[in-house]
Amino acid sequence: MSNTKSIITIHELSAETLSAVHRCNGAFTIDSRLVLHAEDGVIRYTIEPVAPPRQKRYPPESDDYAAYLTSPDKTIFFAYCAGELAGQIILCKYWNGYAYIQDIAVDAAFRGRGVGQALMDRAVAWAKERALPGLMLETQDINVPACRFYARYGFILGGFDIYLYRGLDPATDEIALYWYLLL
């Protein structure tokens, strides 16, 4: 596959596309991490290298995505390039009124082609259609490519949690990061 931009089409979840959920290869390389600094109520960060580099792939959620077909407060959008599944974004209206991005993944073969931008644009439109105040999501300090994308898109880092992932692995040093896009 070339790295040239392709025509990207976005389609909402349907009964026919239900099996496409979590079919993207969302693996990424960990070669750096965000180092957080909080001052005067503002969270800033620098990016520092991590050695040795390693691959990470998150396991798919086990949600009942069929319920998303009939709920006005949940949806999934798929991005396609030349008819091939290139990415997905899973959204819901969160308890605090924000559109919560439960998952966004761009298949490794389609990165750098605007797929993430197209999915995020559609998520913003979905939130605006519902008059929601913004979007929020959670990722990790080791997912630097995603963090860079969110920052470029206009998200701000609004919080972090050093204990969230220790329930899964007491030895982990991953930090959960909460990003917000105010509309």
Protein backbone atom coordinates (compact mmCIF):
# COMPACT_ATOMS: atom_id res chain seq x y z
CA MET A 1 0.00 0.00 0.00
CA SER A 2 1.27 3.44 -0.81
CA ASN A 3 1.15 6.33 1.65
CA THR A 4 -0.80 8.58 -0.68
CA LYS A 5 -4.15 9.89 0.49
CA SER A 6 -7.11 7.83 -0.65
CA ILE A 7 -10.76 8.67 -0.86
CA ILE A 8 -12.13 7.89 2.58
CA THR A 9 -15.75 7.01 3.12
CA ILE A 10 -17.40 6.84 6.53
CA HIS A 11 -20.29 4.47 7.25
CA GLU A 12 -22.29 4.07 10.44
CA LEU A 13 -22.75 0.69 12.07
CA SER A 14 -25.44 -1.51 10.54
CA ALA A 15 -26.46 -5.12 11.00
CA GLU A 16 -24.34 -5.93 7.93
CA THR A 17 -21.19 -4.28 9.36
CA LEU A 18 -21.48 -5.53 12.95
CA SER A 19 -18.82 -8.18 12.30
CA ALA A 20 -16.32 -5.45 11.31
CA VAL A 21 -16.00 -4.14 14.88
CA HIS A 22 -12.39 -4.51 16.10
CA ARG A 23 -11.13 -5.88 12.78
CA CYS A 24 -8.47 -3.16 12.42
CA ASN A 25 -4.86 -3.80 13.32
CA GLY A 26 -4.47 -1.09 15.96
CA ALA A 27 -1.01 -2.18 17.15
CA PHE A 28 1.55 0.57 17.71
CA THR A 29 5.20 0.88 18.65
CA ILE A 30 6.12 2.17 22.09
CA ASP A 31 9.37 4.07 21.65
CA SER A 32 8.57 7.11 23.80
CA ARG A 33 6.18 8.31 26.48
CA LEU A 34 4.68 11.51 27.80
CA VAL A 35 6.26 12.86 30.97
CA LEU A 36 3.66 14.96 32.77
CA HIS A 37 4.12 18.28 34.56
CA ALA A 38 1.27 20.07 36.33
CA GLU A 39 1.56 23.75 37.18
CA ASP A 40 -1.09 26.33 37.99
CA GLY A 41 -3.84 23.86 37.13
CA VAL A 42 -2.47 23.15 33.66
CA ILE A 43 -1.08 19.77 32.61
CA ARG A 44 1.87 19.96 30.27
CA TYR A 45 4.15 17.26 29.00
CA THR A 46 7.41 16.50 27.33
CA ILE A 47 8.11 13.40 25.27
CA GLU A 48 11.00 11.19 26.22
CA PRO A 49 12.36 8.07 24.49
CA VAL A 50 11.79 4.59 25.87
CA ALA A 51 14.19 1.74 25.22
CA PRO A 52 13.95 -0.85 23.98
CA PRO A 53 11.04 -0.13 21.63
CA ARG A 54 8.20 -2.65 21.79
CA GLN A 55 4.86 -3.34 20.12
CA LYS A 56 1.52 -3.05 21.90
CA ARG A 57 -1.93 -4.12 20.88
CA TYR A 58 -4.95 -3.56 23.09
CA PRO A 59 -7.36 -6.48 23.41
CA PRO A 60 -10.79 -5.74 21.94
CA GLU A 61 -13.58 -4.77 24.31
CA SER A 62 -16.26 -7.38 24.75
CA ASP A 63 -19.24 -5.04 24.60
CA ASP A 64 -22.54 -6.14 23.04
CA TYR A 65 -22.24 -3.98 19.95
CA ALA A 66 -25.61 -5.19 18.61
CA ALA A 67 -27.16 -2.87 21.22
CA TYR A 68 -25.52 0.05 19.38
CA LEU A 69 -27.83 -0.59 16.43
CA THR A 70 -30.89 0.67 18.32
CA SER A 71 -29.49 3.16 20.83
CA PRO A 72 -29.55 6.86 19.92
CA ASP A 73 -26.76 7.44 22.47
CA LYS A 74 -24.25 4.94 21.05
CA THR A 75 -22.78 4.40 17.62
CA ILE A 76 -19.84 3.12 15.66
CA PHE A 77 -18.45 4.61 12.46
CA PHE A 78 -16.18 2.76 10.07
CA ALA A 79 -13.73 4.33 7.64
CA TYR A 80 -13.06 2.68 4.31
CA CYS A 81 -10.34 3.38 1.75
CA ALA A 82 -10.96 1.90 -1.69
CA GLY A 83 -13.52 -0.43 -0.14
CA GLU A 84 -11.14 -1.75 2.53
CA LEU A 85 -11.80 -1.31 6.25
CA ALA A 86 -9.29 1.31 7.40
CA GLY A 87 -10.51 2.36 10.84
CA GLN A 88 -13.29 2.63 13.38
CA ILE A 89 -14.50 4.92 16.13
CA ILE A 90 -16.88 3.81 18.88
CA LEU A 91 -18.89 6.55 20.61
CA CYS A 92 -21.43 6.93 23.35
CA LYS A 93 -23.07 9.74 25.25
CA TYR A 94 -21.26 9.60 28.59
CA TRP A 95 -22.79 10.16 32.02
CA ASN A 96 -21.36 13.72 32.12
CA GLY A 97 -22.93 14.72 28.82
CA TYR A 98 -19.79 14.49 26.70
CA ALA A 99 -19.46 12.24 23.69
CA TYR A 100 -17.08 9.57 24.95
CA ILE A 101 -14.76 7.95 22.44
CA GLN A 102 -14.60 4.39 23.71
CA ASP A 103 -12.22 3.34 20.98
CA ILE A 104 -10.60 4.79 17.89
CA ALA A 105 -8.36 2.63 15.75
CA VAL A 106 -6.76 3.17 12.37
CA ASP A 107 -5.43 0.03 10.77
CA ALA A 108 -1.64 0.12 10.57
CA ALA A 109 -1.76 -0.23 6.77
CA PHE A 110 -3.79 3.00 6.45
CA ARG A 111 -2.04 5.35 8.86
CA GLY A 112 -0.93 8.72 7.55
CA ARG A 113 -3.77 8.95 5.01
CA GLY A 114 -6.27 11.07 6.95
CA VAL A 115 -8.38 8.18 8.27
CA GLY A 116 -8.11 9.31 11.91
CA GLN A 117 -9.01 12.88 10.90
CA ALA A 118 -12.07 11.66 8.95
CA LEU A 119 -13.25 9.49 11.86
CA MET A 120 -12.75 12.30 14.36
CA ASP A 121 -14.55 14.78 12.10
CA ARG A 122 -17.52 12.40 12.00
CA ALA A 123 -17.42 11.98 15.79
CA VAL A 124 -17.47 15.77 16.23
CA ALA A 125 -20.46 16.00 13.89
CA TRP A 126 -22.24 13.25 15.88
CA ALA A 127 -21.65 15.17 19.13
CA LYS A 128 -22.85 18.44 17.57
CA GLU A 129 -25.98 16.72 16.21
CA ARG A 130 -26.81 15.85 19.84
CA ALA A 131 -25.84 19.29 21.22
CA LEU A 132 -23.19 17.71 23.45
CA PRO A 133 -20.61 20.07 25.01
CA GLY A 134 -17.60 18.19 23.67
CA LEU A 135 -15.78 14.91 23.29
CA MET A 136 -13.54 13.06 25.69
CA LEU A 137 -11.39 9.97 25.61
CA GLU A 138 -8.79 8.11 27.60
CA THR A 139 -5.47 6.80 26.38
CA GLN A 140 -2.08 6.05 27.90
CA ASP A 141 1.13 8.01 28.27
CA ILE A 142 2.90 5.33 26.21
CA ASN A 143 0.62 5.79 23.20
CA VAL A 144 2.51 8.83 21.94
CA PRO A 145 1.30 8.63 18.31
CA ALA A 146 -2.32 8.83 19.53
CA CYS A 147 -1.53 11.65 21.97
CA ARG A 148 0.15 13.65 19.22
CA PHE A 149 -2.89 13.13 16.99
CA TYR A 150 -5.30 14.30 19.70
CA ALA A 151 -3.21 17.39 20.44
CA ARG A 152 -2.99 18.27 16.72
CA TYR A 153 -6.75 17.85 16.41
CA GLY A 154 -7.31 20.34 19.24
CA PHE A 155 -7.89 18.13 22.26
CA ILE A 156 -6.49 19.35 25.58
CA LEU A 157 -5.08 17.14 28.29
CA GLY A 158 -7.52 17.49 31.16
CA GLY A 159 -6.47 14.85 33.66
CA PHE A 160 -4.50 11.73 34.43
CA ASP A 161 -4.71 8.68 36.69
CA ILE A 162 -1.59 6.83 37.82
CA TYR A 163 -3.55 3.92 39.35
CA LEU A 164 -6.10 3.00 36.66
CA TYR A 165 -4.03 0.28 34.99
CA ARG A 166 -2.57 -1.10 38.20
CA GLY A 167 -5.81 -3.03 38.71
CA LEU A 168 -4.84 -5.07 35.65
CA ASP A 169 -1.10 -5.20 36.37
CA PRO A 170 0.20 -4.00 39.76
CA ALA A 171 3.70 -3.57 38.28
CA THR A 172 2.67 -1.31 35.39
CA ASP A 173 3.84 2.27 35.18
CA GLU A 174 1.33 3.25 32.47
CA ILE A 175 -0.60 6.43 33.20
CA ALA A 176 -4.15 6.97 31.96
CA LEU A 177 -4.57 10.33 30.21
CA TYR A 178 -7.93 12.07 29.73
CA TRP A 179 -8.24 14.29 26.66
CA TYR A 180 -11.08 16.74 25.97
CA LEU A 181 -12.29 18.59 22.92
CA LEU A 182 -14.70 21.36 23.88
CA LEU A 183 -17.27 22.31 21.26
